[in-house]
Amino acid sequence: MSAESAVAANPAPPSNPDALRAARMIPFIVGCALFMQMLDATVVATALPAMARALGSTPVRLNVAITSYLLSVAVFVPVSGWAADRYGARRVFVAAIGLFTLSSVACAVSQDLPQLVVARIIQGMAGAMMVPVGRIILLRTVPKQDLLKAMSFLSIPALLGPVIGPPLGGFMVTYMSWHWIFLINIPIGVLGIALVLRYVAEIKEESAPRLDWLGFLLSAVCLATLVSGFEAIGRDVMPLPMLLGMIAVGAACGFLYAWHARRVEHPIIDLSLMRIPTFAISTLGGNLCRFAVGATPFLLAMLLQVGFGLSPFSAGLITFASAAGALLMKFVATPIVRHFGFRRVLTVNALLTGVFIMVCATFTPATPVWLMIAILLVGGFFRSLQFTGVNTLTYADIPPAKMSRASSFAAMAQQLGISLGVGVAAVTLNVSMALRGAETLAVSDVVAGFIVIGLMCMASTFSFRRLEPQAGAHLNGAKQSDDE
């Protein structure tokens, strides 16, 4: 990477107090948007029975409210980078937060299922723009020596959302009403807009290319079919031939898009980014780790609620320990990575993350609650450290002109990784039940799920071993391995 690119991609430290305050606030602002999106993606599931009764439907039919949101996010994520360059990152970010907040109100006041689905589609479209564009603002504003610290803060809401969502949804439905799972977004959204207008300057490319419409169509079909297929695995919502056909269509559109992207100057998803070693390794290895983000809350819910008979709220109080571990990580991530370097941290920590996922397989109804909490707390710490390192290194060598496209690409990969993690966990449960000749879930099936997901997370260490010893050193002045 040239010195010019490095300087442009990593802004110089702010020279006045207002700019310094803005640089410190931006991770918090983007973190609020990310938390709002991650929370909304998980909180609805526990409220489905109550929502179904209120809307005169069934929980199975109402599941389309979750699917429509996920599909909308998958379809519109690739457009986010182009929109930021074309219309300005600050303008798009404010519009996305505002639309997300308004669509949350629309969800809360929906009178029937079609109204709710339309509101969720709009909400997903806003969410698809909100987080990648917020990340673009962060990457172009925060000085390079503060990027690791900013990313460590940003990894917390990504891990908190899936953990807090289910118990929070259960609490609101039990003691308030299902409408509050959407109305809670209003104060967060209003605060976010006010902070953006106060602290974020406009960031816009002087000349943005035209939208790659054919690429958008191919990527939309590819992502929509793959995400919906992965999400449907294990839920018995469609016949197996239809499910396999859906995934096959997604894969075919993916190959067609790869062919198309090599023939246009400005593809909507820039596959040439995969020629940058730090980006490619962080994307591929990071997605193996992201299986844990998608699958671990799902498996813990199955183990504690179905296997041990705990209520959703009680189970949520136990799993919240992993969120506490993520919060503790924020204070030590930067010195750890600076001392050991990205390569060593990501390689070793991938093994530790996988080990603590598999340790959850040893939980039994007789396991002391304090011991489960301690294991989940340490596991949450290691998971958060891993994603802090991965999310920072992803953008280490990206030229400034490609920063928007890199953010869109990374967001798309994360969406697929989390969805695939849930799918792999569900397939593992079904295979385990089939091998037992049973039709009902048992604790032994969930144990198999933890082992498979843990091994997949550990396998990412082979990807991170391919990093250069000096990878990411310009971001934080890290000490590097002396045994390479």
Protein backbone atom coordinates (compact mmCIF):
# COMPACT_ATOMS: atom_id res chain seq x y z
CA MET A 1 0.00 0.00 0.00
CA SER A 2 1.44 3.39 -0.98
CA ALA A 3 2.15 6.09 1.56
CA GLU A 4 -0.43 8.28 -0.13
CA SER A 5 -3.10 5.59 0.15
CA ALA A 6 -2.24 4.95 3.75
CA VAL A 7 -2.61 8.60 4.67
CA ALA A 8 -5.88 8.97 2.79
CA ALA A 9 -7.35 5.80 4.15
CA ASN A 10 -6.27 6.63 7.67
CA PRO A 11 -6.98 10.29 8.50
CA ALA A 12 -4.51 12.39 10.41
CA PRO A 13 -5.31 13.19 14.05
CA PRO A 14 -7.83 16.04 14.41
CA SER A 15 -6.15 19.39 15.00
CA ASN A 16 -8.90 21.14 16.99
CA PRO A 17 -11.04 20.19 20.01
CA ASP A 18 -14.31 20.00 18.03
CA ALA A 19 -12.82 17.61 15.47
CA LEU A 20 -11.27 15.53 18.24
CA ARG A 21 -14.61 15.30 20.04
CA ALA A 22 -16.31 14.29 16.78
CA ALA A 23 -13.75 11.54 16.15
CA ARG A 24 -14.42 10.19 19.65
CA MET A 25 -18.20 10.33 19.24
CA ILE A 26 -18.43 8.63 15.84
CA PRO A 27 -17.75 5.07 17.15
CA PHE A 28 -20.54 5.61 19.70
CA ILE A 29 -22.93 6.92 17.02
CA VAL A 30 -22.25 4.05 14.62
CA GLY A 31 -22.41 1.62 17.55
CA CYS A 32 -25.92 2.84 18.43
CA ALA A 33 -27.04 2.21 14.84
CA LEU A 34 -25.44 -1.23 14.81
CA PHE A 35 -27.00 -2.15 18.16
CA MET A 36 -30.43 -1.02 16.97
CA GLN A 37 -30.14 -3.19 13.85
CA MET A 38 -28.74 -6.27 15.63
CA LEU A 39 -31.32 -6.00 18.41
CA ASP A 40 -34.18 -5.70 15.94
CA ALA A 41 -32.96 -8.72 14.00
CA THR A 42 -33.23 -10.96 17.09
CA VAL A 43 -35.86 -9.49 19.40
CA VAL A 44 -38.86 -10.31 17.19
CA ALA A 45 -38.53 -14.09 17.45
CA THR A 46 -39.59 -14.28 21.11
CA ALA A 47 -42.58 -12.00 20.47
CA LEU A 48 -44.05 -14.02 17.58
CA PRO A 49 -46.73 -15.86 19.61
CA ALA A 50 -48.06 -12.64 21.19
CA MET A 51 -47.91 -10.80 17.86
CA ALA A 52 -49.75 -13.65 16.14
CA ARG A 53 -52.59 -13.48 18.65
CA ALA A 54 -52.89 -9.71 18.27
CA LEU A 55 -52.83 -9.78 14.46
CA GLY A 56 -55.16 -12.77 14.08
CA SER A 57 -52.50 -15.06 12.62
CA THR A 58 -50.30 -17.98 13.68
CA PRO A 59 -46.65 -17.92 14.80
CA VAL A 60 -45.67 -20.03 11.78
CA ARG A 61 -47.26 -17.60 9.32
CA LEU A 62 -45.93 -14.62 11.21
CA ASN A 63 -42.38 -15.93 10.78
CA VAL A 64 -42.50 -14.15 7.42
CA ALA A 65 -41.98 -10.94 9.42
CA ILE A 66 -38.48 -12.18 10.27
CA THR A 67 -37.75 -13.58 6.82
CA SER A 68 -38.86 -10.44 4.99
CA TYR A 69 -36.52 -8.32 7.12
CA LEU A 70 -33.52 -10.59 6.52
CA LEU A 71 -34.16 -10.75 2.77
CA SER A 72 -34.49 -6.98 2.53
CA VAL A 73 -31.18 -6.49 4.33
CA ALA A 74 -29.46 -9.03 2.08
CA VAL A 75 -30.80 -7.46 -1.12
CA PHE A 76 -29.93 -3.84 -0.34
CA VAL A 77 -26.59 -4.17 1.47
CA PRO A 78 -24.56 -4.12 -1.79
CA VAL A 79 -26.09 -0.74 -2.75
CA SER A 80 -24.96 0.98 0.45
CA GLY A 81 -21.43 1.86 -0.65
CA TRP A 82 -22.59 3.26 -3.98
CA ALA A 83 -25.32 5.32 -2.27
CA ALA A 84 -22.80 6.80 0.18
CA ASP A 85 -20.50 7.84 -2.67
CA ARG A 86 -23.32 9.18 -4.82
CA TYR A 87 -25.39 11.10 -2.26
CA GLY A 88 -22.98 11.61 0.63
CA ALA A 89 -22.36 9.29 3.59
CA ARG A 90 -23.76 11.70 6.21
CA ARG A 91 -26.97 12.28 4.24
CA VAL A 92 -27.54 8.57 3.59
CA PHE A 93 -26.75 7.69 7.22
CA VAL A 94 -29.27 10.20 8.59
CA ALA A 95 -31.90 9.07 6.07
CA ALA A 96 -31.31 5.41 6.95
CA ILE A 97 -31.64 5.99 10.71
CA GLY A 98 -34.77 8.09 10.14
CA LEU A 99 -36.36 5.50 7.85
CA PHE A 100 -35.48 2.69 10.27
CA THR A 101 -37.11 4.59 13.13
CA LEU A 102 -40.25 5.45 11.14
CA SER A 103 -40.61 1.89 9.87
CA SER A 104 -40.31 0.69 13.48
CA VAL A 105 -43.32 2.85 14.31
CA ALA A 106 -45.12 1.37 11.29
CA CYS A 107 -44.38 -2.13 12.60
CA ALA A 108 -45.78 -1.22 16.02
CA VAL A 109 -49.06 0.14 14.61
CA SER A 110 -49.59 -2.63 12.04
CA GLN A 111 -53.11 -4.04 12.13
CA ASP A 112 -52.55 -7.19 10.08
CA LEU A 113 -49.79 -9.38 8.64
CA PRO A 114 -49.45 -7.67 5.20
CA GLN A 115 -48.95 -4.28 6.85
CA LEU A 116 -46.31 -5.73 9.15
CA VAL A 117 -44.45 -7.40 6.28
CA VAL A 118 -44.33 -4.17 4.24
CA ALA A 119 -43.04 -2.27 7.28
CA ARG A 120 -40.39 -4.93 7.93
CA ILE A 121 -39.21 -4.81 4.30
CA ILE A 122 -38.74 -1.04 4.56
CA GLN A 123 -37.02 -1.50 7.91
CA GLY A 124 -34.63 -4.05 6.39
CA MET A 125 -33.80 -1.71 3.51
CA ALA A 126 -32.95 1.05 6.00
CA GLY A 127 -30.90 -1.34 8.11
CA ALA A 128 -28.95 -2.44 5.04
CA MET A 129 -27.88 1.18 4.47
CA MET A 130 -27.45 2.18 8.10
CA VAL A 131 -24.54 0.06 9.34
CA PRO A 132 -22.27 -0.13 6.25
CA VAL A 133 -22.56 3.62 5.66
CA GLY A 134 -21.92 4.30 9.35
CA ARG A 135 -18.79 2.17 9.08
CA ILE A 136 -17.67 4.18 6.04
CA ILE A 137 -17.97 7.37 8.10
CA LEU A 138 -15.93 5.80 10.89
CA LEU A 139 -13.19 4.55 8.56
CA ARG A 140 -12.84 7.93 6.88
CA THR A 141 -12.94 9.99 10.07
CA VAL A 142 -11.18 8.15 12.89
CA PRO A 143 -7.36 8.57 12.91
CA LYS A 144 -5.39 5.42 12.18
CA GLN A 145 -3.91 5.15 15.67
CA ASP A 146 -7.45 5.08 17.11
CA LEU A 147 -8.97 2.65 14.59
CA LEU A 148 -8.40 -0.47 16.70
CA LYS A 149 -9.93 1.22 19.74
CA ALA A 150 -12.91 2.36 17.65
CA MET A 151 -13.44 -1.12 16.22
CA SER A 152 -13.23 -2.67 19.69
CA PHE A 153 -16.10 -0.40 20.72
CA LEU A 154 -18.01 -1.23 17.54
CA SER A 155 -17.74 -5.00 18.06
CA ILE A 156 -19.66 -4.78 21.35
CA PRO A 157 -23.14 -3.95 19.97
CA ALA A 158 -22.70 -6.61 17.28
CA LEU A 159 -22.30 -9.20 20.04
CA LEU A 160 -24.77 -7.63 22.47
CA GLY A 161 -27.72 -7.61 20.05
CA PRO A 162 -28.10 -11.40 19.58
CA VAL A 163 -27.58 -11.95 23.33
CA ILE A 164 -29.87 -9.23 24.68
CA GLY A 165 -32.57 -9.51 21.99
CA PRO A 166 -34.35 -12.73 23.06
CA PRO A 167 -34.56 -12.03 26.82
CA LEU A 168 -35.47 -8.38 26.21
CA GLY A 169 -38.21 -9.46 23.81
CA GLY A 170 -39.49 -11.98 26.33
CA PHE A 171 -39.50 -9.35 29.10
CA MET A 172 -41.38 -6.79 27.01
CA VAL A 173 -43.97 -9.28 25.81
CA THR A 174 -44.48 -10.63 29.34
CA TYR A 175 -44.64 -7.37 31.28
CA MET A 176 -45.53 -4.75 28.64
CA SER A 177 -46.76 -5.49 25.10
CA TRP A 178 -45.24 -6.66 21.82
CA HIS A 179 -45.44 -3.14 20.38
CA TRP A 180 -42.53 -2.05 22.59
CA ILE A 181 -40.04 -4.27 20.79
CA PHE A 182 -40.37 -1.79 17.91
CA LEU A 183 -41.11 1.41 19.84
CA ILE A 184 -37.83 1.06 21.75
CA ASN A 185 -36.09 2.09 18.52
CA ILE A 186 -37.63 5.58 18.60
CA PRO A 187 -35.44 7.17 21.32
CA ILE A 188 -32.34 5.42 19.95
CA GLY A 189 -33.09 6.64 16.43
CA VAL A 190 -33.83 10.23 17.48
CA LEU A 191 -30.64 10.35 19.55
CA GLY A 192 -28.66 8.90 16.65
CA ILE A 193 -29.93 11.50 14.16
CA ALA A 194 -29.19 14.35 16.58
CA LEU A 195 -25.65 13.11 17.16
CA VAL A 196 -24.98 12.62 13.44
CA LEU A 197 -26.13 16.16 12.65
CA ARG A 198 -24.00 17.50 15.49
CA TYR A 199 -20.74 15.60 15.03
CA VAL A 200 -20.52 14.09 11.52
CA ALA A 201 -19.27 16.11 8.55
CA GLU A 202 -20.42 15.29 5.02
CA ILE A 203 -18.31 12.72 3.17
CA LYS A 204 -18.96 12.41 -0.56
CA GLU A 205 -17.03 11.31 -3.63
CA GLU A 206 -16.60 14.02 -6.25
CA SER A 207 -17.67 11.70 -9.06
CA ALA A 208 -19.60 8.51 -8.33
CA PRO A 209 -20.19 5.91 -11.09
CA ARG A 210 -23.61 4.88 -12.31
CA LEU A 211 -25.31 2.06 -10.47
CA ASP A 212 -24.52 -1.41 -11.84
CA TRP A 213 -28.14 -2.47 -12.32
CA LEU A 214 -27.43 -5.93 -13.77
CA GLY A 215 -24.97 -6.62 -10.98
CA PHE A 216 -27.53 -5.43 -8.44
CA LEU A 217 -30.17 -7.80 -9.86
CA LEU A 218 -27.82 -10.81 -9.86
CA SER A 219 -26.48 -10.08 -6.38
CA ALA A 220 -30.01 -9.48 -5.06
CA VAL A 221 -31.27 -12.87 -6.28
CA CYS A 222 -28.09 -14.59 -5.10
CA LEU A 223 -28.15 -13.12 -1.60
CA ALA A 224 -31.92 -13.37 -1.14
CA THR A 225 -32.05 -17.06 -2.08
CA LEU A 226 -28.94 -18.03 -0.12
CA VAL A 227 -29.92 -16.17 3.05
CA SER A 228 -33.51 -17.45 2.96
CA GLY A 229 -32.26 -20.97 2.20
CA PHE A 230 -29.78 -20.96 5.08
CA GLU A 231 -32.39 -19.51 7.44
CA ALA A 232 -34.96 -22.15 6.40
CA ILE A 233 -32.62 -25.07 7.05
CA GLY A 234 -33.78 -27.02 10.05
CA ARG A 235 -37.09 -25.16 10.44
CA ASP A 236 -39.06 -27.54 8.20
CA VAL A 237 -40.79 -24.66 6.42
CA MET A 238 -40.41 -26.02 2.88
CA PRO A 239 -39.80 -29.36 1.14
CA LEU A 240 -36.15 -30.39 0.83
CA PRO A 241 -36.12 -30.29 -3.01
CA MET A 242 -37.42 -26.71 -2.94
CA LEU A 243 -34.83 -25.74 -0.35
CA LEU A 244 -31.97 -27.27 -2.35
CA GLY A 245 -33.32 -25.64 -5.51
CA MET A 246 -33.35 -22.24 -3.81
CA ILE A 247 -29.73 -22.61 -2.71
CA ALA A 248 -28.77 -23.83 -6.20
CA VAL A 249 -30.37 -20.75 -7.79
CA GLY A 250 -28.44 -18.55 -5.37
CA ALA A 251 -25.16 -20.28 -6.19
CA ALA A 252 -25.83 -20.01 -9.94
CA CYS A 253 -26.56 -16.29 -9.67
CA GLY A 254 -23.38 -15.92 -7.65
CA PHE A 255 -21.32 -17.51 -10.45
CA LEU A 256 -23.07 -15.34 -13.03
CA TYR A 257 -22.30 -12.27 -10.96
CA ALA A 258 -18.62 -13.23 -10.73
CA TRP A 259 -18.55 -13.50 -14.54
CA HIS A 260 -20.33 -10.16 -14.87
CA ALA A 261 -18.10 -8.35 -12.34
CA ARG A 262 -14.97 -9.07 -14.39
CA ARG A 263 -16.50 -7.32 -17.40
CA VAL A 264 -17.67 -4.00 -15.93
CA GLU A 265 -15.58 -1.12 -14.66
CA HIS A 266 -17.56 -0.41 -11.48
CA PRO A 267 -19.30 -3.60 -10.24
CA ILE A 268 -21.70 -3.18 -7.33
CA ILE A 269 -19.72 -5.81 -5.37
CA ASP A 270 -16.03 -5.35 -6.15
CA LEU A 271 -14.53 -8.85 -6.21
CA SER A 272 -11.08 -7.40 -6.94
CA LEU A 273 -10.92 -6.56 -3.23
CA MET A 274 -10.22 -10.25 -2.63
CA ARG A 275 -6.79 -9.70 -4.20
CA ILE A 276 -5.84 -7.69 -1.09
CA PRO A 277 -4.47 -10.35 1.32
CA THR A 278 -5.59 -8.75 4.58
CA PHE A 279 -9.11 -8.20 3.24
CA ALA A 280 -9.43 -11.70 1.75
CA ILE A 281 -8.08 -13.51 4.82
CA SER A 282 -10.15 -11.41 7.22
CA THR A 283 -13.28 -12.02 5.15
CA LEU A 284 -12.85 -15.79 4.75
CA GLY A 285 -11.38 -16.55 8.18
CA GLY A 286 -13.67 -14.04 9.84
CA ASN A 287 -16.75 -15.70 8.40
CA LEU A 288 -15.78 -19.05 9.91
CA CYS A 289 -15.67 -17.22 13.25
CA ARG A 290 -18.98 -15.49 12.49
CA PHE A 291 -20.65 -18.89 12.39
CA ALA A 292 -20.26 -18.66 16.16
CA VAL A 293 -22.13 -15.33 16.30
CA GLY A 294 -25.07 -16.77 14.38
CA ALA A 295 -25.10 -20.24 15.91
CA THR A 296 -24.07 -19.88 19.56
CA PRO A 297 -27.13 -17.88 20.79
CA PHE A 298 -29.37 -20.28 18.83
CA LEU A 299 -27.72 -23.36 20.37
CA LEU A 300 -27.69 -21.89 23.88
CA ALA A 301 -31.41 -21.12 23.60
CA MET A 302 -32.09 -24.71 22.52
CA LEU A 303 -29.94 -26.12 25.34
CA LEU A 304 -31.23 -23.95 28.19
CA GLN A 305 -34.89 -23.72 27.18
CA VAL A 306 -35.62 -27.02 25.43
CA GLY A 307 -32.97 -29.17 27.09
CA PHE A 308 -33.03 -27.75 30.63
CA GLY A 309 -36.60 -26.38 30.68
CA LEU A 310 -35.68 -22.80 31.61
CA SER A 311 -37.90 -19.87 30.64
CA PRO A 312 -36.66 -17.53 27.86
CA PHE A 313 -36.07 -14.79 30.41
CA SER A 314 -34.11 -17.04 32.81
CA ALA A 315 -32.04 -18.43 29.95
CA GLY A 316 -31.38 -14.89 28.76
CA LEU A 317 -30.05 -13.85 32.15
CA ILE A 318 -27.47 -16.66 31.95
CA THR A 319 -26.43 -15.99 28.36
CA PHE A 320 -26.08 -12.29 29.13
CA ALA A 321 -22.74 -13.23 30.71
CA SER A 322 -21.22 -13.39 27.23
CA ALA A 323 -22.25 -9.76 26.72
CA ALA A 324 -20.44 -8.85 29.93
CA GLY A 325 -17.34 -10.56 28.57
CA ALA A 326 -17.61 -8.50 25.39
CA LEU A 327 -17.76 -5.31 27.46
CA LEU A 328 -14.67 -6.29 29.45
CA MET A 329 -12.77 -6.89 26.21
CA LYS A 330 -13.15 -3.23 25.23
CA PHE A 331 -10.65 -2.19 27.88
CA VAL A 332 -7.86 -4.61 26.90
CA ALA A 333 -8.22 -5.31 23.16
CA THR A 334 -5.94 -2.49 22.04
CA PRO A 335 -2.97 -3.32 24.33
CA ILE A 336 -3.30 -7.04 23.54
CA VAL A 337 -3.18 -6.52 19.77
CA ARG A 338 -0.43 -3.91 20.06
CA HIS A 339 1.73 -6.27 22.07
CA PHE A 340 1.23 -9.51 20.14
CA GLY A 341 0.23 -8.28 16.66
CA PHE A 342 -2.84 -9.12 14.56
CA ARG A 343 -1.53 -12.40 13.16
CA ARG A 344 -0.68 -14.01 16.47
CA VAL A 345 -3.81 -12.73 18.24
CA LEU A 346 -6.22 -13.90 15.52
CA THR A 347 -4.51 -17.29 15.14
CA VAL A 348 -4.40 -18.17 18.84
CA ASN A 349 -7.68 -16.51 19.76
CA ALA A 350 -9.58 -18.46 17.07
CA LEU A 351 -8.56 -21.64 18.89
CA LEU A 352 -9.58 -20.25 22.28
CA THR A 353 -12.94 -19.04 20.91
CA GLY A 354 -13.66 -22.48 19.46
CA VAL A 355 -12.66 -24.22 22.69
CA PHE A 356 -15.02 -22.13 24.80
CA ILE A 357 -17.87 -22.80 22.35
CA MET A 358 -17.27 -26.54 22.70
CA VAL A 359 -17.06 -26.26 26.50
CA CYS A 360 -20.75 -25.27 26.40
CA ALA A 361 -21.40 -28.84 25.25
CA THR A 362 -20.48 -30.01 28.76
CA PHE A 363 -23.35 -28.11 30.41
CA THR A 364 -25.95 -30.28 32.16
CA PRO A 365 -28.98 -29.42 34.33
CA ALA A 366 -26.70 -30.10 37.32
CA THR A 367 -24.02 -27.62 36.21
CA PRO A 368 -23.86 -24.74 38.71
CA VAL A 369 -25.22 -21.52 37.26
CA TRP A 370 -22.12 -19.61 38.38
CA LEU A 371 -19.92 -21.98 36.38
CA MET A 372 -22.02 -21.56 33.22
CA ILE A 373 -21.91 -17.79 33.67
CA ALA A 374 -18.11 -17.86 34.12
CA ILE A 375 -17.59 -19.95 30.97
CA LEU A 376 -19.92 -17.76 28.90
CA LEU A 377 -18.25 -14.60 30.21
CA VAL A 378 -14.76 -15.76 29.19
CA GLY A 379 -16.08 -17.08 25.87
CA GLY A 380 -17.74 -13.73 25.17
CA PHE A 381 -14.44 -11.99 25.87
CA PHE A 382 -12.56 -14.12 23.33
CA ARG A 383 -15.29 -13.80 20.68
CA SER A 384 -15.33 -10.03 21.03
CA LEU A 385 -11.52 -9.84 20.82
CA GLN A 386 -11.61 -11.93 17.65
CA PHE A 387 -14.12 -9.70 15.89
CA THR A 388 -12.32 -6.56 16.98
CA GLY A 389 -9.16 -7.83 15.31
CA VAL A 390 -10.92 -9.14 12.21
CA ASN A 391 -13.05 -6.04 11.66
CA THR A 392 -10.04 -3.75 12.03
CA LEU A 393 -7.69 -5.76 9.82
CA THR A 394 -10.33 -6.05 7.08
CA TYR A 395 -9.77 -2.40 6.14
CA ALA A 396 -6.03 -2.20 6.87
CA ASP A 397 -4.87 -2.04 3.24
CA ILE A 398 -7.99 -0.81 1.42
CA PRO A 399 -7.28 2.18 -0.87
CA PRO A 400 -9.44 5.20 0.02
CA ALA A 401 -11.22 5.09 -3.35
CA LYS A 402 -12.47 1.56 -2.57
CA MET A 403 -13.41 2.10 1.08
CA SER A 404 -17.16 2.34 0.38
CA ARG A 405 -17.18 -0.82 -1.74
CA ALA A 406 -15.13 -2.65 0.90
CA SER A 407 -17.68 -1.74 3.58
CA SER A 408 -20.54 -3.06 1.43
CA PHE A 409 -18.64 -6.26 0.61
CA ALA A 410 -17.78 -6.90 4.27
CA ALA A 411 -21.39 -6.29 5.37
CA MET A 412 -22.65 -8.72 2.74
CA ALA A 413 -20.14 -11.38 3.82
CA GLN A 414 -21.12 -10.93 7.47
CA GLN A 415 -24.80 -11.36 6.65
CA LEU A 416 -24.09 -14.61 4.80
CA GLY A 417 -21.75 -15.86 7.52
CA ILE A 418 -24.23 -15.35 10.36
CA SER A 419 -27.10 -16.90 8.37
CA LEU A 420 -24.95 -19.87 7.36
CA GLY A 421 -23.91 -20.38 10.98
CA VAL A 422 -27.54 -20.81 12.04
CA GLY A 423 -28.10 -23.12 9.06
CA VAL A 424 -25.10 -25.32 9.90
CA ALA A 425 -26.20 -25.56 13.53
CA ALA A 426 -29.75 -26.52 12.50
CA VAL A 427 -28.49 -29.17 10.06
CA THR A 428 -26.28 -30.62 12.79
CA LEU A 429 -29.27 -30.91 15.14
CA ASN A 430 -31.34 -32.65 12.46
CA VAL A 431 -28.55 -35.06 11.54
CA SER A 432 -28.00 -35.91 15.20
CA MET A 433 -31.73 -36.57 15.69
CA ALA A 434 -31.80 -38.73 12.54
CA LEU A 435 -28.85 -40.80 13.76
CA ARG A 436 -30.71 -41.39 17.03
CA GLY A 437 -33.88 -42.26 15.13
CA ALA A 438 -35.76 -39.60 17.09
CA GLU A 439 -38.07 -36.77 16.06
CA THR A 440 -37.71 -34.62 19.18
CA LEU A 441 -34.69 -32.59 20.23
CA ALA A 442 -32.49 -33.88 23.04
CA VAL A 443 -29.53 -32.39 24.87
CA SER A 444 -27.16 -34.73 23.00
CA ASP A 445 -28.22 -33.13 19.70
CA VAL A 446 -27.32 -29.65 20.95
CA VAL A 447 -24.00 -31.00 22.21
CA ALA A 448 -23.20 -32.09 18.65
CA GLY A 449 -24.06 -28.60 17.42
CA PHE A 450 -21.63 -26.94 19.84
CA ILE A 451 -18.83 -29.31 18.80
CA VAL A 452 -19.33 -28.73 15.06
CA ILE A 453 -19.53 -24.94 15.38
CA GLY A 454 -16.54 -24.87 17.71
CA LEU A 455 -14.44 -26.91 15.28
CA MET A 456 -15.40 -24.64 12.38
CA CYS A 457 -14.36 -21.61 14.40
CA MET A 458 -11.04 -23.26 15.24
CA ALA A 459 -10.49 -24.06 11.55
CA SER A 460 -10.24 -20.33 10.84
CA THR A 461 -6.79 -20.39 12.44
CA PHE A 462 -5.44 -21.93 9.20
CA SER A 463 -6.67 -18.87 7.34
CA PHE A 464 -5.16 -16.40 9.80
CA ARG A 465 -1.81 -18.26 9.70
CA ARG A 466 -1.49 -17.03 6.11
CA LEU A 467 -1.24 -13.41 7.25
CA GLU A 468 2.13 -11.68 6.95
CA PRO A 469 3.83 -11.12 10.34
CA GLN A 470 3.65 -7.36 9.68
CA ALA A 471 -0.06 -7.38 8.77
CA GLY A 472 -1.84 -4.37 10.23
CA ALA A 473 1.29 -3.01 11.94
CA HIS A 474 0.70 0.47 10.50
CA LEU A 475 -2.66 0.64 12.28
CA ASN A 476 -1.42 0.31 15.83
CA GLY A 477 2.34 -0.06 16.00
CA ALA A 478 1.93 -3.65 17.12
CA LYS A 479 4.88 -5.79 18.10
CA GLN A 480 5.30 -8.54 15.57
CA SER A 481 6.04 -12.20 15.85
CA ASP A 482 9.75 -12.96 15.96
CA ASP A 483 9.40 -16.60 15.08
CA GLU A 484 8.35 -16.18 11.48
